[in-house]
Amino acid sequence: MSDQAVNRGRRRFLVSATTVVGAVGVVGIATPFLASWQPSARARAAGAPVTADISRLAPGQQMTIEWRGKPVWVVRRTPEMIADIRAIPPAELQDPESLRPQQPPYVDAVLRSIKPEYVVLVGICTHLGCSPGYRPEIGAADLGADWPGGYLCACHGSKFDLAGRVFTGVPAPSNLEVPPHRYESEQVLVVGVDEEAA
């Protein structure tokens, strides 16, 4: 066949079409392969780190994320909330300085957080494993005029302040757990990875 009998337009079309089909095939094969690198639901439940965007969390609000099959609360505390935590008399708390190992060593002992504005707590009562309710309102009628805001476990009446410290005279034996965590940026929290390991 001579060079003049070759249809160059048709050849360009066939080469282009083959290239496009090949590229689609590569993407189709690569997508499940790359997706397999993500931790499975079982691995996440077993402790894979969880990332949360906290940029839209307004002061005074709480958000819940799941880590190791447990609820983890992130609360953005107001300056007033922080002042109220510091004002609680130590005699009203079972472990006011957080001496029991319920938190990583790099968190503040009183505020139980890396950054005063944010507290990260496992949302499971240390008494029997119920999930306390978020009660940030000060002096709530059903909790008394001296209620500083915090968490109430409706199952057996355990009370915790907004740092997760347990009050005296309640069934819960210890403060709420603070999971290992770090801040990837001002807006991104990673639960399940120690700040020291980062």
C-alpha atoms as a PDB file:
ATOM      1  CA  MET A   1       0.000   0.000   0.000  1.00  0.00           C
ATOM      2  CA  SER A   2       1.317   3.435  -0.821  1.00  0.00           C
ATOM      3  CA  ASP A   3       1.657   6.297   1.624  1.00  0.00           C
ATOM      4  CA  GLN A   4      -1.099   8.187  -0.174  1.00  0.00           C
ATOM      5  CA  ALA A   5      -3.674   5.480   0.463  1.00  0.00           C
ATOM      6  CA  VAL A   6      -3.387   5.944   4.258  1.00  0.00           C
ATOM      7  CA  ASN A   7      -6.158   8.101   5.681  1.00  0.00           C
ATOM      8  CA  ARG A   8      -4.305  10.311   8.180  1.00  0.00           C
ATOM      9  CA  GLY A   9      -7.467  11.688   9.775  1.00  0.00           C
ATOM     10  CA  ARG A  10      -8.752   8.200  10.439  1.00  0.00           C
ATOM     11  CA  ARG A  11      -5.389   7.157  11.869  1.00  0.00           C
ATOM     12  CA  ARG A  12      -5.348  10.168  14.247  1.00  0.00           C
ATOM     13  CA  PHE A  13      -8.898   9.364  15.347  1.00  0.00           C
ATOM     14  CA  LEU A  14      -8.049   5.711  16.046  1.00  0.00           C
ATOM     15  CA  VAL A  15      -4.877   6.636  17.976  1.00  0.00           C
ATOM     16  CA  SER A  16      -6.800   9.233  20.025  1.00  0.00           C
ATOM     17  CA  ALA A  17      -9.708   6.876  20.726  1.00  0.00           C
ATOM     18  CA  THR A  18      -7.311   4.097  21.776  1.00  0.00           C
ATOM     19  CA  THR A  19      -5.465   6.495  24.093  1.00  0.00           C
ATOM     20  CA  VAL A  20      -8.724   7.639  25.729  1.00  0.00           C
ATOM     21  CA  VAL A  21      -9.976   4.078  26.216  1.00  0.00           C
ATOM     22  CA  GLY A  22      -6.577   3.092  27.646  1.00  0.00           C
ATOM     23  CA  ALA A  23      -6.607   6.040  30.071  1.00  0.00           C
ATOM     24  CA  VAL A  24     -10.126   5.158  31.244  1.00  0.00           C
ATOM     25  CA  GLY A  25      -8.973   1.577  31.761  1.00  0.00           C
ATOM     26  CA  VAL A  26      -5.973   2.692  33.832  1.00  0.00           C
ATOM     27  CA  VAL A  27      -8.206   4.894  36.012  1.00  0.00           C
ATOM     28  CA  GLY A  28     -10.693   2.032  36.368  1.00  0.00           C
ATOM     29  CA  ILE A  29      -7.960  -0.318  37.555  1.00  0.00           C
ATOM     30  CA  ALA A  30      -6.153   2.232  39.742  1.00  0.00           C
ATOM     31  CA  THR A  31      -9.246   3.420  41.637  1.00  0.00           C
ATOM     32  CA  PRO A  32     -10.006   0.169  43.501  1.00  0.00           C
ATOM     33  CA  PHE A  33      -6.279  -0.369  44.060  1.00  0.00           C
ATOM     34  CA  LEU A  34      -5.855   3.063  45.667  1.00  0.00           C
ATOM     35  CA  ALA A  35      -9.098   2.650  47.630  1.00  0.00           C
ATOM     36  CA  SER A  36      -7.702  -0.536  49.141  1.00  0.00           C
ATOM     37  CA  TRP A  37      -5.044   1.585  50.875  1.00  0.00           C
ATOM     38  CA  GLN A  38      -7.734   3.258  53.014  1.00  0.00           C
ATOM     39  CA  PRO A  39      -8.305   1.577  56.396  1.00  0.00           C
ATOM     40  CA  SER A  40     -11.337  -0.665  56.460  1.00  0.00           C
ATOM     41  CA  ALA A  41     -14.256  -0.141  58.841  1.00  0.00           C
ATOM     42  CA  ARG A  42     -12.814  -2.918  60.980  1.00  0.00           C
ATOM     43  CA  ALA A  43      -9.404  -1.227  61.102  1.00  0.00           C
ATOM     44  CA  ARG A  44     -10.973   2.120  61.995  1.00  0.00           C
ATOM     45  CA  ALA A  45     -12.901   0.459  64.804  1.00  0.00           C
ATOM     46  CA  ALA A  46      -9.668  -1.142  65.986  1.00  0.00           C
ATOM     47  CA  GLY A  47      -8.013   2.204  66.439  1.00  0.00           C
ATOM     48  CA  ALA A  48      -7.042   3.815  63.182  1.00  0.00           C
ATOM     49  CA  PRO A  49      -6.782   7.593  63.646  1.00  0.00           C
ATOM     50  CA  VAL A  50      -9.851   9.670  62.843  1.00  0.00           C
ATOM     51  CA  THR A  51      -9.643  13.174  61.407  1.00  0.00           C
ATOM     52  CA  ALA A  52     -12.262  15.834  62.186  1.00  0.00           C
ATOM     53  CA  ASP A  53     -12.783  19.312  60.779  1.00  0.00           C
ATOM     54  CA  ILE A  54     -13.426  21.570  63.781  1.00  0.00           C
ATOM     55  CA  SER A  55     -13.475  24.855  61.841  1.00  0.00           C
ATOM     56  CA  ARG A  56     -17.277  25.188  61.976  1.00  0.00           C
ATOM     57  CA  LEU A  57     -17.612  24.335  65.673  1.00  0.00           C
ATOM     58  CA  ALA A  58     -19.046  27.465  67.290  1.00  0.00           C
ATOM     59  CA  PRO A  59     -18.084  28.480  70.840  1.00  0.00           C
ATOM     60  CA  GLY A  60     -20.167  26.499  73.333  1.00  0.00           C
ATOM     61  CA  GLN A  61     -21.024  23.770  70.826  1.00  0.00           C
ATOM     62  CA  GLN A  62     -20.162  20.090  70.940  1.00  0.00           C
ATOM     63  CA  MET A  63     -19.599  17.705  68.051  1.00  0.00           C
ATOM     64  CA  THR A  64     -19.393  13.913  68.171  1.00  0.00           C
ATOM     65  CA  ILE A  65     -17.031  11.757  66.136  1.00  0.00           C
ATOM     66  CA  GLU A  66     -16.494   8.015  66.312  1.00  0.00           C
ATOM     67  CA  TRP A  67     -13.168   6.429  67.225  1.00  0.00           C
ATOM     68  CA  ARG A  68     -12.675   2.743  68.058  1.00  0.00           C
ATOM     69  CA  GLY A  69     -16.446   2.325  68.036  1.00  0.00           C
ATOM     70  CA  LYS A  70     -16.829   4.912  70.823  1.00  0.00           C
ATOM     71  CA  PRO A  71     -18.296   8.407  70.748  1.00  0.00           C
ATOM     72  CA  VAL A  72     -15.671  11.125  71.118  1.00  0.00           C
ATOM     73  CA  TRP A  73     -16.864  14.579  72.053  1.00  0.00           C
ATOM     74  CA  VAL A  74     -15.141  17.753  70.953  1.00  0.00           C
ATOM     75  CA  VAL A  75     -16.331  20.880  72.751  1.00  0.00           C
ATOM     76  CA  ARG A  76     -15.268  24.388  71.852  1.00  0.00           C
ATOM     77  CA  ARG A  77     -15.313  26.133  75.204  1.00  0.00           C
ATOM     78  CA  THR A  78     -15.953  29.823  75.681  1.00  0.00           C
ATOM     79  CA  PRO A  79     -13.711  31.957  77.924  1.00  0.00           C
ATOM     80  CA  GLU A  80     -16.565  31.936  80.469  1.00  0.00           C
ATOM     81  CA  MET A  81     -16.669  28.115  80.437  1.00  0.00           C
ATOM     82  CA  ILE A  82     -12.909  27.984  81.019  1.00  0.00           C
ATOM     83  CA  ALA A  83     -13.214  30.445  83.931  1.00  0.00           C
ATOM     84  CA  ASP A  84     -16.056  28.367  85.423  1.00  0.00           C
ATOM     85  CA  ILE A  85     -13.933  25.195  85.225  1.00  0.00           C
ATOM     86  CA  ARG A  86     -11.075  26.908  87.050  1.00  0.00           C
ATOM     87  CA  ALA A  87     -13.501  28.282  89.703  1.00  0.00           C
ATOM     88  CA  ILE A  88     -14.799  24.853  90.813  1.00  0.00           C
ATOM     89  CA  PRO A  89     -13.490  24.178  94.337  1.00  0.00           C
ATOM     90  CA  PRO A  90     -11.152  21.136  94.274  1.00  0.00           C
ATOM     91  CA  ALA A  91     -13.063  19.613  97.226  1.00  0.00           C
ATOM     92  CA  GLU A  92     -16.103  19.176  94.926  1.00  0.00           C
ATOM     93  CA  LEU A  93     -14.153  16.960  92.508  1.00  0.00           C
ATOM     94  CA  GLN A  94     -12.864  13.404  92.987  1.00  0.00           C
ATOM     95  CA  ASP A  95      -9.694  13.972  90.944  1.00  0.00           C
ATOM     96  CA  PRO A  96      -9.329  17.745  90.431  1.00  0.00           C
ATOM     97  CA  GLU A  97      -5.703  17.580  89.250  1.00  0.00           C
ATOM     98  CA  SER A  98      -6.318  14.555  86.978  1.00  0.00           C
ATOM     99  CA  LEU A  99      -3.786  12.370  88.769  1.00  0.00           C
ATOM    100  CA  ARG A 100      -5.417   9.099  87.689  1.00  0.00           C
ATOM    101  CA  PRO A 101      -4.281   8.030  84.198  1.00  0.00           C
ATOM    102  CA  GLN A 102      -7.437   8.920  82.267  1.00  0.00           C
ATOM    103  CA  GLN A 103      -5.630  11.276  79.879  1.00  0.00           C
ATOM    104  CA  PRO A 104      -2.355  11.548  77.963  1.00  0.00           C
ATOM    105  CA  PRO A 105       0.480  13.208  79.896  1.00  0.00           C
ATOM    106  CA  TYR A 106       0.695  16.168  77.493  1.00  0.00           C
ATOM    107  CA  VAL A 107      -2.731  17.632  78.362  1.00  0.00           C
ATOM    108  CA  ASP A 108      -3.248  20.326  81.003  1.00  0.00           C
ATOM    109  CA  ALA A 109      -4.202  18.710  84.331  1.00  0.00           C
ATOM    110  CA  VAL A 110      -7.085  21.046  85.146  1.00  0.00           C
ATOM    111  CA  LEU A 111      -8.548  21.850  81.719  1.00  0.00           C
ATOM    112  CA  ARG A 112      -7.610  18.341  80.444  1.00  0.00           C
ATOM    113  CA  SER A 113      -6.820  19.669  76.973  1.00  0.00           C
ATOM    114  CA  ILE A 114      -3.972  20.682  74.706  1.00  0.00           C
ATOM    115  CA  LYS A 115      -5.657  23.949  73.757  1.00  0.00           C
ATOM    116  CA  PRO A 116      -7.804  25.570  76.481  1.00  0.00           C
ATOM    117  CA  GLU A 117     -10.529  26.349  73.945  1.00  0.00           C
ATOM    118  CA  TYR A 118     -11.090  22.703  72.928  1.00  0.00           C
ATOM    119  CA  VAL A 119     -11.641  19.619  75.050  1.00  0.00           C
ATOM    120  CA  VAL A 120     -11.669  16.112  73.552  1.00  0.00           C
ATOM    121  CA  LEU A 121     -13.378  13.410  75.646  1.00  0.00           C
ATOM    122  CA  VAL A 122     -14.518   9.818  75.171  1.00  0.00           C
ATOM    123  CA  GLY A 123     -18.279  10.080  75.694  1.00  0.00           C
ATOM    124  CA  ILE A 124     -18.672   7.036  77.938  1.00  0.00           C
ATOM    125  CA  CYS A 125     -19.392   7.294  81.661  1.00  0.00           C
ATOM    126  CA  THR A 126     -16.736   5.651  83.822  1.00  0.00           C
ATOM    127  CA  HIS A 127     -19.413   4.093  86.039  1.00  0.00           C
ATOM    128  CA  LEU A 128     -21.273   1.596  83.847  1.00  0.00           C
ATOM    129  CA  GLY A 129     -20.569   2.750  80.302  1.00  0.00           C
ATOM    130  CA  CYS A 130     -23.628   4.915  79.642  1.00  0.00           C
ATOM    131  CA  SER A 131     -23.314   8.070  77.554  1.00  0.00           C
ATOM    132  CA  PRO A 132     -23.744  11.276  79.604  1.00  0.00           C
ATOM    133  CA  GLY A 133     -25.659  14.201  78.174  1.00  0.00           C
ATOM    134  CA  TYR A 134     -24.077  17.567  77.379  1.00  0.00           C
ATOM    135  CA  ARG A 135     -25.495  20.124  79.821  1.00  0.00           C
ATOM    136  CA  PRO A 136     -23.500  23.355  79.366  1.00  0.00           C
ATOM    137  CA  GLU A 137     -26.125  25.663  80.855  1.00  0.00           C
ATOM    138  CA  ILE A 138     -25.070  27.154  84.211  1.00  0.00           C
ATOM    139  CA  GLY A 139     -27.509  26.768  87.123  1.00  0.00           C
ATOM    140  CA  ALA A 140     -29.914  24.476  85.250  1.00  0.00           C
ATOM    141  CA  ALA A 141     -33.157  24.200  87.221  1.00  0.00           C
ATOM    142  CA  ASP A 142     -33.041  20.404  87.456  1.00  0.00           C
ATOM    143  CA  LEU A 143     -29.350  20.362  88.502  1.00  0.00           C
ATOM    144  CA  GLY A 144     -29.293  23.186  91.044  1.00  0.00           C
ATOM    145  CA  ALA A 145     -28.174  26.797  91.111  1.00  0.00           C
ATOM    146  CA  ASP A 146     -24.563  25.771  91.731  1.00  0.00           C
ATOM    147  CA  TRP A 147     -24.334  23.649  88.549  1.00  0.00           C
ATOM    148  CA  PRO A 148     -21.306  24.995  86.601  1.00  0.00           C
ATOM    149  CA  GLY A 149     -22.179  23.273  83.327  1.00  0.00           C
ATOM    150  CA  GLY A 150     -20.861  19.925  82.146  1.00  0.00           C
ATOM    151  CA  TYR A 151     -22.157  16.400  81.629  1.00  0.00           C
ATOM    152  CA  LEU A 152     -24.913  14.458  83.388  1.00  0.00           C
ATOM    153  CA  CYS A 153     -25.236  10.701  83.141  1.00  0.00           C
ATOM    154  CA  ALA A 154     -28.975  10.149  83.426  1.00  0.00           C
ATOM    155  CA  CYS A 155     -28.566   6.433  84.196  1.00  0.00           C
ATOM    156  CA  HIS A 156     -27.222   6.831  87.737  1.00  0.00           C
ATOM    157  CA  GLY A 157     -26.682  10.568  88.187  1.00  0.00           C
ATOM    158  CA  SER A 158     -22.936  10.897  87.685  1.00  0.00           C
ATOM    159  CA  LYS A 159     -21.873  14.477  86.984  1.00  0.00           C
ATOM    160  CA  PHE A 160     -18.776  15.771  85.207  1.00  0.00           C
ATOM    161  CA  ASP A 161     -17.569  19.322  84.613  1.00  0.00           C
ATOM    162  CA  LEU A 162     -16.752  20.761  81.178  1.00  0.00           C
ATOM    163  CA  ALA A 163     -13.240  19.286  81.451  1.00  0.00           C
ATOM    164  CA  GLY A 164     -14.675  15.801  82.067  1.00  0.00           C
ATOM    165  CA  ARG A 165     -13.673  15.769  85.762  1.00  0.00           C
ATOM    166  CA  VAL A 166     -16.057  13.815  87.981  1.00  0.00           C
ATOM    167  CA  PHE A 167     -17.777  15.451  90.937  1.00  0.00           C
ATOM    168  CA  THR A 168     -17.755  13.880  94.409  1.00  0.00           C
ATOM    169  CA  GLY A 169     -20.766  11.991  95.723  1.00  0.00           C
ATOM    170  CA  VAL A 170     -21.651  10.313  92.413  1.00  0.00           C
ATOM    171  CA  PRO A 171     -21.253   6.672  91.313  1.00  0.00           C
ATOM    172  CA  ALA A 172     -18.627   7.300  88.602  1.00  0.00           C
ATOM    173  CA  PRO A 173     -15.185   6.409  89.997  1.00  0.00           C
ATOM    174  CA  SER A 174     -13.016   8.538  87.700  1.00  0.00           C
ATOM    175  CA  ASN A 175     -12.851  11.376  85.194  1.00  0.00           C
ATOM    176  CA  LEU A 176     -13.959  10.893  81.595  1.00  0.00           C
ATOM    177  CA  GLU A 177     -11.191   9.557  79.378  1.00  0.00           C
ATOM    178  CA  VAL A 178      -9.229  11.930  77.158  1.00  0.00           C
ATOM    179  CA  PRO A 179      -8.145  10.004  74.039  1.00  0.00           C
ATOM    180  CA  PRO A 180      -4.752  10.509  72.436  1.00  0.00           C
ATOM    181  CA  HIS A 181      -5.049  13.353  69.944  1.00  0.00           C
ATOM    182  CA  ARG A 182      -3.207  16.139  68.180  1.00  0.00           C
ATOM    183  CA  TYR A 183      -3.963  19.116  65.979  1.00  0.00           C
ATOM    184  CA  GLU A 184      -2.881  18.754  62.352  1.00  0.00           C
ATOM    185  CA  SER A 185      -3.747  22.424  61.828  1.00  0.00           C
ATOM    186  CA  GLU A 186      -5.940  25.069  63.446  1.00  0.00           C
ATOM    187  CA  GLN A 187      -9.004  23.467  61.830  1.00  0.00           C
ATOM    188  CA  VAL A 188      -8.115  19.749  61.820  1.00  0.00           C
ATOM    189  CA  LEU A 189      -8.108  17.452  64.846  1.00  0.00           C
ATOM    190  CA  VAL A 190      -6.691  13.910  64.662  1.00  0.00           C
ATOM    191  CA  VAL A 191      -7.967  11.494  67.324  1.00  0.00           C
ATOM    192  CA  GLY A 192      -5.983   8.335  67.931  1.00  0.00           C
ATOM    193  CA  VAL A 193      -2.490   9.756  67.468  1.00  0.00           C
ATOM    194  CA  ASP A 194      -0.485  11.141  70.364  1.00  0.00           C
ATOM    195  CA  GLU A 195       0.789  14.693  70.084  1.00  0.00           C
ATOM    196  CA  GLU A 196       4.182  13.421  71.258  1.00  0.00           C
ATOM    197  CA  ALA A 197       4.303  10.874  68.412  1.00  0.00           C
ATOM    198  CA  ALA A 198       3.564  13.506  65.768  1.00  0.00           C
END
